[in-house]
Amino acid sequence: MKKINARIKVLPQKQIKITTDFIKLDAFLKLCGSVQTGGHAKAVIQNGEVFVNNEVCFSRGKKLRIGDKVKFDGTVFEVV
């Protein structure tokens, strides 16, 4: 039997605190510093580069609540 060597890449995780009941995805990307402008947020969301709770999200108005996780550009951001 052959031995298989596998490496699992662990993505860096950051917690981002919100003080409201929810935050929209495009505003969240700006809050955590992943994008500089709303236009940039719109572009990366429409290109399918953003995952919310392990699913591609194409809606920039997606409401994020505490406990949701957003993956973008090699980092996982958790809403706290």
PDB file of N, CA and C in Angstrom:
ATOM      1  N   MET A   1       0.835  -1.167   0.000  1.00  0.00           N
ATOM      2  CA  MET A   1       0.000   0.000   0.000  1.00  0.00           C
ATOM      3  C   MET A   1       0.890   1.244   0.000  1.00  0.00           C
ATOM      4  N   LYS A   2       0.557   2.202  -0.872  1.00  0.00           N
ATOM      5  CA  LYS A   2       1.328   3.441  -0.953  1.00  0.00           C
ATOM      6  C   LYS A   2       0.867   4.427   0.112  1.00  0.00           C
ATOM      7  N   LYS A   3       1.824   5.145   0.630  1.00  0.00           N
ATOM      8  CA  LYS A   3       1.515   6.182   1.597  1.00  0.00           C
ATOM      9  C   LYS A   3       1.266   7.481   0.830  1.00  0.00           C
ATOM     10  N   ILE A   4       0.183   8.146   1.164  1.00  0.00           N
ATOM     11  CA  ILE A   4      -0.162   9.397   0.500  1.00  0.00           C
ATOM     12  C   ILE A   4       0.117  10.553   1.443  1.00  0.00           C
ATOM     13  N   ASN A   5       0.890  11.486   0.949  1.00  0.00           N
ATOM     14  CA  ASN A   5       1.156  12.697   1.722  1.00  0.00           C
ATOM     15  C   ASN A   5       0.230  13.787   1.224  1.00  0.00           C
ATOM     16  N   ALA A   6      -0.558  14.325   2.123  1.00  0.00           N
ATOM     17  CA  ALA A   6      -1.489  15.395   1.759  1.00  0.00           C
ATOM     18  C   ALA A   6      -1.289  16.562   2.715  1.00  0.00           C
ATOM     19  N   ARG A   7      -1.362  17.728   2.147  1.00  0.00           N
ATOM     20  CA  ARG A   7      -1.269  18.938   2.954  1.00  0.00           C
ATOM     21  C   ARG A   7      -2.572  19.697   2.838  1.00  0.00           C
ATOM     22  N   ILE A   8      -3.081  20.098   3.957  1.00  0.00           N
ATOM     23  CA  ILE A   8      -4.299  20.886   3.980  1.00  0.00           C
ATOM     24  C   ILE A   8      -3.910  22.327   4.251  1.00  0.00           C
ATOM     25  N   LYS A   9      -4.301  23.197   3.349  1.00  0.00           N
ATOM     26  CA  LYS A   9      -3.981  24.602   3.515  1.00  0.00           C
ATOM     27  C   LYS A   9      -5.005  25.235   4.453  1.00  0.00           C
ATOM     28  N   VAL A  10      -4.515  25.791   5.528  1.00  0.00           N
ATOM     29  CA  VAL A  10      -5.377  26.468   6.488  1.00  0.00           C
ATOM     30  C   VAL A  10      -5.358  27.949   6.166  1.00  0.00           C
ATOM     31  N   LEU A  11      -6.533  28.488   5.889  1.00  0.00           N
ATOM     32  CA  LEU A  11      -6.625  29.901   5.553  1.00  0.00           C
ATOM     33  C   LEU A  11      -6.592  30.751   6.820  1.00  0.00           C
ATOM     34  N   PRO A  12      -5.946  31.911   6.735  1.00  0.00           N
ATOM     35  CA  PRO A  12      -5.965  32.803   7.892  1.00  0.00           C
ATOM     36  C   PRO A  12      -7.392  33.250   8.186  1.00  0.00           C
ATOM     37  N   GLN A  13      -7.712  33.417   9.463  1.00  0.00           N
ATOM     38  CA  GLN A  13      -9.046  33.838   9.857  1.00  0.00           C
ATOM     39  C   GLN A  13      -8.967  35.117  10.675  1.00  0.00           C
ATOM     40  N   LYS A  14      -9.925  35.993  10.441  1.00  0.00           N
ATOM     41  CA  LYS A  14     -10.009  37.243  11.188  1.00  0.00           C
ATOM     42  C   LYS A  14     -11.445  37.429  11.653  1.00  0.00           C
ATOM     43  N   GLN A  15     -11.607  37.962  12.833  1.00  0.00           N
ATOM     44  CA  GLN A  15     -12.935  38.272  13.344  1.00  0.00           C
ATOM     45  C   GLN A  15     -13.193  39.759  13.164  1.00  0.00           C
ATOM     46  N   ILE A  16     -14.358  40.075  12.612  1.00  0.00           N
ATOM     47  CA  ILE A  16     -14.741  41.461  12.374  1.00  0.00           C
ATOM     48  C   ILE A  16     -16.008  41.732  13.182  1.00  0.00           C
ATOM     49  N   LYS A  17     -15.916  42.692  14.079  1.00  0.00           N
ATOM     50  CA  LYS A  17     -17.036  42.998  14.965  1.00  0.00           C
ATOM     51  C   LYS A  17     -17.971  44.010  14.320  1.00  0.00           C
ATOM     52  N   ILE A  18     -19.275  43.719  14.412  1.00  0.00           N
ATOM     53  CA  ILE A  18     -20.281  44.683  13.968  1.00  0.00           C
ATOM     54  C   ILE A  18     -21.114  45.084  15.184  1.00  0.00           C
ATOM     55  N   THR A  19     -21.695  46.257  15.118  1.00  0.00           N
ATOM     56  CA  THR A  19     -22.490  46.751  16.244  1.00  0.00           C
ATOM     57  C   THR A  19     -23.964  46.886  15.887  1.00  0.00           C
ATOM     58  N   THR A  20     -24.335  46.347  14.726  1.00  0.00           N
ATOM     59  CA  THR A  20     -25.726  46.378  14.276  1.00  0.00           C
ATOM     60  C   THR A  20     -26.221  44.938  14.129  1.00  0.00           C
ATOM     61  N   ASP A  21     -27.507  44.771  13.828  1.00  0.00           N
ATOM     62  CA  ASP A  21     -28.066  43.429  13.668  1.00  0.00           C
ATOM     63  C   ASP A  21     -27.488  42.712  12.454  1.00  0.00           C
ATOM     64  N   PHE A  22     -27.182  43.489  11.407  1.00  0.00           N
ATOM     65  CA  PHE A  22     -26.631  42.905  10.185  1.00  0.00           C
ATOM     66  C   PHE A  22     -25.795  43.943   9.463  1.00  0.00           C
ATOM     67  N   ILE A  23     -25.038  43.477   8.481  1.00  0.00           N
ATOM     68  CA  ILE A  23     -24.275  44.365   7.599  1.00  0.00           C
ATOM     69  C   ILE A  23     -24.343  43.759   6.198  1.00  0.00           C
ATOM     70  N   LYS A  24     -24.463  44.596   5.199  1.00  0.00           N
ATOM     71  CA  LYS A  24     -24.510  44.102   3.825  1.00  0.00           C
ATOM     72  C   LYS A  24     -23.112  43.690   3.374  1.00  0.00           C
ATOM     73  N   LEU A  25     -23.083  42.696   2.502  1.00  0.00           N
ATOM     74  CA  LEU A  25     -21.820  42.096   2.074  1.00  0.00           C
ATOM     75  C   LEU A  25     -20.839  43.115   1.511  1.00  0.00           C
ATOM     76  N   ASP A  26     -21.295  44.015   0.654  1.00  0.00           N
ATOM     77  CA  ASP A  26     -20.360  44.979   0.068  1.00  0.00           C
ATOM     78  C   ASP A  26     -19.768  45.904   1.133  1.00  0.00           C
ATOM     79  N   ALA A  27     -20.565  46.321   2.087  1.00  0.00           N
ATOM     80  CA  ALA A  27     -20.077  47.168   3.175  1.00  0.00           C
ATOM     81  C   ALA A  27     -19.125  46.384   4.079  1.00  0.00           C
ATOM     82  N   PHE A  28     -19.400  45.098   4.261  1.00  0.00           N
ATOM     83  CA  PHE A  28     -18.536  44.257   5.090  1.00  0.00           C
ATOM     84  C   PHE A  28     -17.147  44.130   4.475  1.00  0.00           C
ATOM     85  N   LEU A  29     -17.091  43.946   3.162  1.00  0.00           N
ATOM     86  CA  LEU A  29     -15.793  43.832   2.495  1.00  0.00           C
ATOM     87  C   LEU A  29     -14.982  45.113   2.653  1.00  0.00           C
ATOM     88  N   LYS A  30     -15.660  46.261   2.635  1.00  0.00           N
ATOM     89  CA  LYS A  30     -14.964  47.526   2.863  1.00  0.00           C
ATOM     90  C   LYS A  30     -14.536  47.643   4.326  1.00  0.00           C
ATOM     91  N   LEU A  31     -15.409  47.239   5.252  1.00  0.00           N
ATOM     92  CA  LEU A  31     -15.100  47.326   6.677  1.00  0.00           C
ATOM     93  C   LEU A  31     -13.858  46.519   7.044  1.00  0.00           C
ATOM     94  N   CYS A  32     -13.740  45.319   6.468  1.00  0.00           N
ATOM     95  CA  CYS A  32     -12.597  44.476   6.831  1.00  0.00           C
ATOM     96  C   CYS A  32     -11.352  44.803   6.014  1.00  0.00           C
ATOM     97  N   GLY A  33     -11.440  45.783   5.113  1.00  0.00           N
ATOM     98  CA  GLY A  33     -10.265  46.240   4.385  1.00  0.00           C
ATOM     99  C   GLY A  33      -9.889  45.394   3.181  1.00  0.00           C
ATOM    100  N   SER A  34     -10.790  44.522   2.758  1.00  0.00           N
ATOM    101  CA  SER A  34     -10.492  43.653   1.612  1.00  0.00           C
ATOM    102  C   SER A  34     -10.605  44.383   0.285  1.00  0.00           C
ATOM    103  N   VAL A  35     -11.450  45.414   0.238  1.00  0.00           N
ATOM    104  CA  VAL A  35     -11.607  46.233  -0.966  1.00  0.00           C
ATOM    105  C   VAL A  35     -11.549  47.691  -0.549  1.00  0.00           C
ATOM    106  N   GLN A  36     -11.233  48.550  -1.495  1.00  0.00           N
ATOM    107  CA  GLN A  36     -11.115  49.973  -1.191  1.00  0.00           C
ATOM    108  C   GLN A  36     -12.403  50.750  -1.450  1.00  0.00           C
ATOM    109  N   THR A  37     -13.183  50.282  -2.432  1.00  0.00           N
ATOM    110  CA  THR A  37     -14.381  51.030  -2.818  1.00  0.00           C
ATOM    111  C   THR A  37     -15.572  50.097  -2.988  1.00  0.00           C
ATOM    112  N   GLY A  38     -16.746  50.700  -3.030  1.00  0.00           N
ATOM    113  CA  GLY A  38     -17.951  49.929  -3.284  1.00  0.00           C
ATOM    114  C   GLY A  38     -17.952  49.329  -4.682  1.00  0.00           C
ATOM    115  N   GLY A  39     -17.366  50.042  -5.622  1.00  0.00           N
ATOM    116  CA  GLY A  39     -17.272  49.527  -6.993  1.00  0.00           C
ATOM    117  C   GLY A  39     -16.400  48.289  -7.067  1.00  0.00           C
ATOM    118  N   HIS A  40     -15.307  48.294  -6.323  1.00  0.00           N
ATOM    119  CA  HIS A  40     -14.432  47.115  -6.276  1.00  0.00           C
ATOM    120  C   HIS A  40     -15.173  45.948  -5.628  1.00  0.00           C
ATOM    121  N   ALA A  41     -15.920  46.226  -4.556  1.00  0.00           N
ATOM    122  CA  ALA A  41     -16.709  45.182  -3.891  1.00  0.00           C
ATOM    123  C   ALA A  41     -17.718  44.586  -4.867  1.00  0.00           C
ATOM    124  N   LYS A  42     -18.405  45.437  -5.604  1.00  0.00           N
ATOM    125  CA  LYS A  42     -19.397  44.976  -6.577  1.00  0.00           C
ATOM    126  C   LYS A  42     -18.753  44.057  -7.613  1.00  0.00           C
ATOM    127  N   ALA A  43     -17.586  44.440  -8.096  1.00  0.00           N
ATOM    128  CA  ALA A  43     -16.894  43.662  -9.130  1.00  0.00           C
ATOM    129  C   ALA A  43     -16.495  42.275  -8.621  1.00  0.00           C
ATOM    130  N   VAL A  44     -15.889  42.196  -7.443  1.00  0.00           N
ATOM    131  CA  VAL A  44     -15.431  40.885  -6.957  1.00  0.00           C
ATOM    132  C   VAL A  44     -16.611  39.980  -6.608  1.00  0.00           C
ATOM    133  N   ILE A  45     -17.711  40.582  -6.138  1.00  0.00           N
ATOM    134  CA  ILE A  45     -18.908  39.782  -5.832  1.00  0.00           C
ATOM    135  C   ILE A  45     -19.515  39.253  -7.123  1.00  0.00           C
ATOM    136  N   GLN A  46     -19.659  40.102  -8.120  1.00  0.00           N
ATOM    137  CA  GLN A  46     -20.251  39.679  -9.399  1.00  0.00           C
ATOM    138  C   GLN A  46     -19.378  38.666 -10.123  1.00  0.00           C
ATOM    139  N   ASN A  47     -18.075  38.683  -9.880  1.00  0.00           N
ATOM    140  CA  ASN A  47     -17.162  37.722 -10.511  1.00  0.00           C
ATOM    141  C   ASN A  47     -17.143  36.378  -9.795  1.00  0.00           C
ATOM    142  N   GLY A  48     -17.897  36.244  -8.708  1.00  0.00           N
ATOM    143  CA  GLY A  48     -17.961  34.975  -7.986  1.00  0.00           C
ATOM    144  C   GLY A  48     -16.744  34.689  -7.129  1.00  0.00           C
ATOM    145  N   GLU A  49     -16.054  35.741  -6.692  1.00  0.00           N
ATOM    146  CA  GLU A  49     -14.839  35.578  -5.899  1.00  0.00           C
ATOM    147  C   GLU A  49     -15.098  35.540  -4.397  1.00  0.00           C
ATOM    148  N   VAL A  50     -16.344  35.778  -3.984  1.00  0.00           N
ATOM    149  CA  VAL A  50     -16.681  35.883  -2.566  1.00  0.00           C
ATOM    150  C   VAL A  50     -17.592  34.721  -2.163  1.00  0.00           C
ATOM    151  N   PHE A  51     -17.236  34.074  -1.056  1.00  0.00           N
ATOM    152  CA  PHE A  51     -18.032  32.974  -0.528  1.00  0.00           C
ATOM    153  C   PHE A  51     -18.623  33.397   0.811  1.00  0.00           C
ATOM    154  N   VAL A  52     -19.905  33.107   1.017  1.00  0.00           N
ATOM    155  CA  VAL A  52     -20.549  33.336   2.302  1.00  0.00           C
ATOM    156  C   VAL A  52     -20.997  31.981   2.822  1.00  0.00           C
ATOM    157  N   ASN A  53     -20.504  31.613   3.977  1.00  0.00           N
ATOM    158  CA  ASN A  53     -20.812  30.311   4.574  1.00  0.00           C
ATOM    159  C   ASN A  53     -20.573  29.170   3.582  1.00  0.00           C
ATOM    160  N   ASN A  54     -19.415  29.217   2.926  1.00  0.00           N
ATOM    161  CA  ASN A  54     -18.937  28.187   1.987  1.00  0.00           C
ATOM    162  C   ASN A  54     -19.732  28.078   0.694  1.00  0.00           C
ATOM    163  N   GLU A  55     -20.501  29.102   0.348  1.00  0.00           N
ATOM    164  CA  GLU A  55     -21.225  29.117  -0.923  1.00  0.00           C
ATOM    165  C   GLU A  55     -20.912  30.421  -1.652  1.00  0.00           C
ATOM    166  N   VAL A  56     -20.726  30.335  -2.966  1.00  0.00           N
ATOM    167  CA  VAL A  56     -20.483  31.552  -3.752  1.00  0.00           C
ATOM    168  C   VAL A  56     -21.691  32.469  -3.596  1.00  0.00           C
ATOM    169  N   CYS A  57     -21.417  33.740  -3.382  1.00  0.00           N
ATOM    170  CA  CYS A  57     -22.498  34.716  -3.222  1.00  0.00           C
ATOM    171  C   CYS A  57     -22.352  35.790  -4.293  1.00  0.00           C
ATOM    172  N   PHE A  58     -23.416  36.001  -5.057  1.00  0.00           N
ATOM    173  CA  PHE A  58     -23.405  37.005  -6.121  1.00  0.00           C
ATOM    174  C   PHE A  58     -24.217  38.247  -5.747  1.00  0.00           C
ATOM    175  N   SER A  59     -24.735  38.290  -4.527  1.00  0.00           N
ATOM    176  CA  SER A  59     -25.590  39.387  -4.093  1.00  0.00           C
ATOM    177  C   SER A  59     -24.819  40.324  -3.169  1.00  0.00           C
ATOM    178  N   ARG A  60     -24.537  41.530  -3.655  1.00  0.00           N
ATOM    179  CA  ARG A  60     -23.770  42.456  -2.822  1.00  0.00           C
ATOM    180  C   ARG A  60     -24.589  42.984  -1.654  1.00  0.00           C
ATOM    181  N   GLY A  61     -25.914  42.853  -1.733  1.00  0.00           N
ATOM    182  CA  GLY A  61     -26.794  43.279  -0.652  1.00  0.00           C
ATOM    183  C   GLY A  61     -27.092  42.180   0.355  1.00  0.00           C
ATOM    184  N   LYS A  62     -26.414  41.046   0.232  1.00  0.00           N
ATOM    185  CA  LYS A  62     -26.610  39.918   1.160  1.00  0.00           C
ATOM    186  C   LYS A  62     -26.398  40.409   2.586  1.00  0.00           C
ATOM    187  N   LYS A  63     -27.380  40.121   3.454  1.00  0.00           N
ATOM    188  CA  LYS A  63     -27.277  40.545   4.850  1.00  0.00           C
ATOM    189  C   LYS A  63     -26.462  39.525   5.637  1.00  0.00           C
ATOM    190  N   LEU A  64     -25.398  39.993   6.244  1.00  0.00           N
ATOM    191  CA  LEU A  64     -24.549  39.148   7.081  1.00  0.00           C
ATOM    192  C   LEU A  64     -24.911  39.401   8.537  1.00  0.00           C
ATOM    193  N   ARG A  65     -24.983  38.323   9.289  1.00  0.00           N
ATOM    194  CA  ARG A  65     -25.293  38.419  10.708  1.00  0.00           C
ATOM    195  C   ARG A  65     -24.190  37.739  11.513  1.00  0.00           C
ATOM    196  N   ILE A  66     -24.196  37.928  12.809  1.00  0.00           N
ATOM    197  CA  ILE A  66     -23.184  37.339  13.677  1.00  0.00           C
ATOM    198  C   ILE A  66     -23.120  35.830  13.446  1.00  0.00           C
ATOM    199  N   GLY A  67     -21.915  35.333  13.274  1.00  0.00           N
ATOM    200  CA  GLY A  67     -21.696  33.908  13.025  1.00  0.00           C
ATOM    201  C   GLY A  67     -21.442  33.567  11.569  1.00  0.00           C
ATOM    202  N   ASP A  68     -21.819  34.471  10.650  1.00  0.00           N
ATOM    203  CA  ASP A  68     -21.572  34.227   9.235  1.00  0.00           C
ATOM    204  C   ASP A  68     -20.069  34.318   8.954  1.00  0.00           C
ATOM    205  N   LYS A  69     -19.632  33.551   7.949  1.00  0.00           N
ATOM    206  CA  LYS A  69     -18.228  33.572   7.543  1.00  0.00           C
ATOM    207  C   LYS A  69     -18.128  33.930   6.073  1.00  0.00           C
ATOM    208  N   VAL A  70     -17.223  34.840   5.777  1.00  0.00           N
ATOM    209  CA  VAL A  70     -16.998  35.311   4.412  1.00  0.00           C
ATOM    210  C   VAL A  70     -15.571  34.945   4.031  1.00  0.00           C
ATOM    211  N   LYS A  71     -15.428  34.283   2.884  1.00  0.00           N
ATOM    212  CA  LYS A  71     -14.099  33.940   2.385  1.00  0.00           C
ATOM    213  C   LYS A  71     -13.832  34.747   1.126  1.00  0.00           C
ATOM    214  N   PHE A  72     -12.710  35.465   1.153  1.00  0.00           N
ATOM    215  CA  PHE A  72     -12.313  36.266   0.004  1.00  0.00           C
ATOM    216  C   PHE A  72     -10.807  36.452   0.008  1.00  0.00           C
ATOM    217  N   ASP A  73     -10.211  36.279  -1.127  1.00  0.00           N
ATOM    218  CA  ASP A  73      -8.786  36.559  -1.335  1.00  0.00           C
ATOM    219  C   ASP A  73      -7.888  35.834  -0.331  1.00  0.00           C
ATOM    220  N   GLY A  74      -8.223  34.569  -0.064  1.00  0.00           N
ATOM    221  CA  GLY A  74      -7.371  33.747   0.782  1.00  0.00           C
ATOM    222  C   GLY A  74      -7.531  33.945   2.274  1.00  0.00           C
ATOM    223  N   THR A  75      -8.555  34.683   2.687  1.00  0.00           N
ATOM    224  CA  THR A  75      -8.794  34.912   4.116  1.00  0.00           C
ATOM    225  C   THR A  75     -10.254  34.635   4.445  1.00  0.00           C
ATOM    226  N   VAL A  76     -10.495  34.094   5.631  1.00  0.00           N
ATOM    227  CA  VAL A  76     -11.850  33.877   6.111  1.00  0.00           C
ATOM    228  C   VAL A  76     -12.131  34.930   7.180  1.00  0.00           C
ATOM    229  N   PHE A  77     -13.221  35.668   7.003  1.00  0.00           N
ATOM    230  CA  PHE A  77     -13.627  36.692   7.950  1.00  0.00           C
ATOM    231  C   PHE A  77     -14.905  36.219   8.636  1.00  0.00           C
ATOM    232  N   GLU A  78     -14.901  36.251   9.958  1.00  0.00           N
ATOM    233  CA  GLU A  78     -16.082  35.854  10.715  1.00  0.00           C
ATOM    234  C   GLU A  78     -16.740  37.092  11.307  1.00  0.00           C
ATOM    235  N   VAL A  79     -18.053  37.187  11.130  1.00  0.00           N
ATOM    236  CA  VAL A  79     -18.802  38.305  11.687  1.00  0.00           C
ATOM    237  C   VAL A  79     -19.061  38.014  13.163  1.00  0.00           C
ATOM    238  N   VAL A  80     -18.603  38.911  14.030  1.00  0.00           N
ATOM    239  CA  VAL A  80     -18.814  38.732  15.480  1.00  0.00           C
ATOM    240  C   VAL A  80     -19.461  39.987  16.055  1.00  0.00           C
TER     241      VAL A  80
END
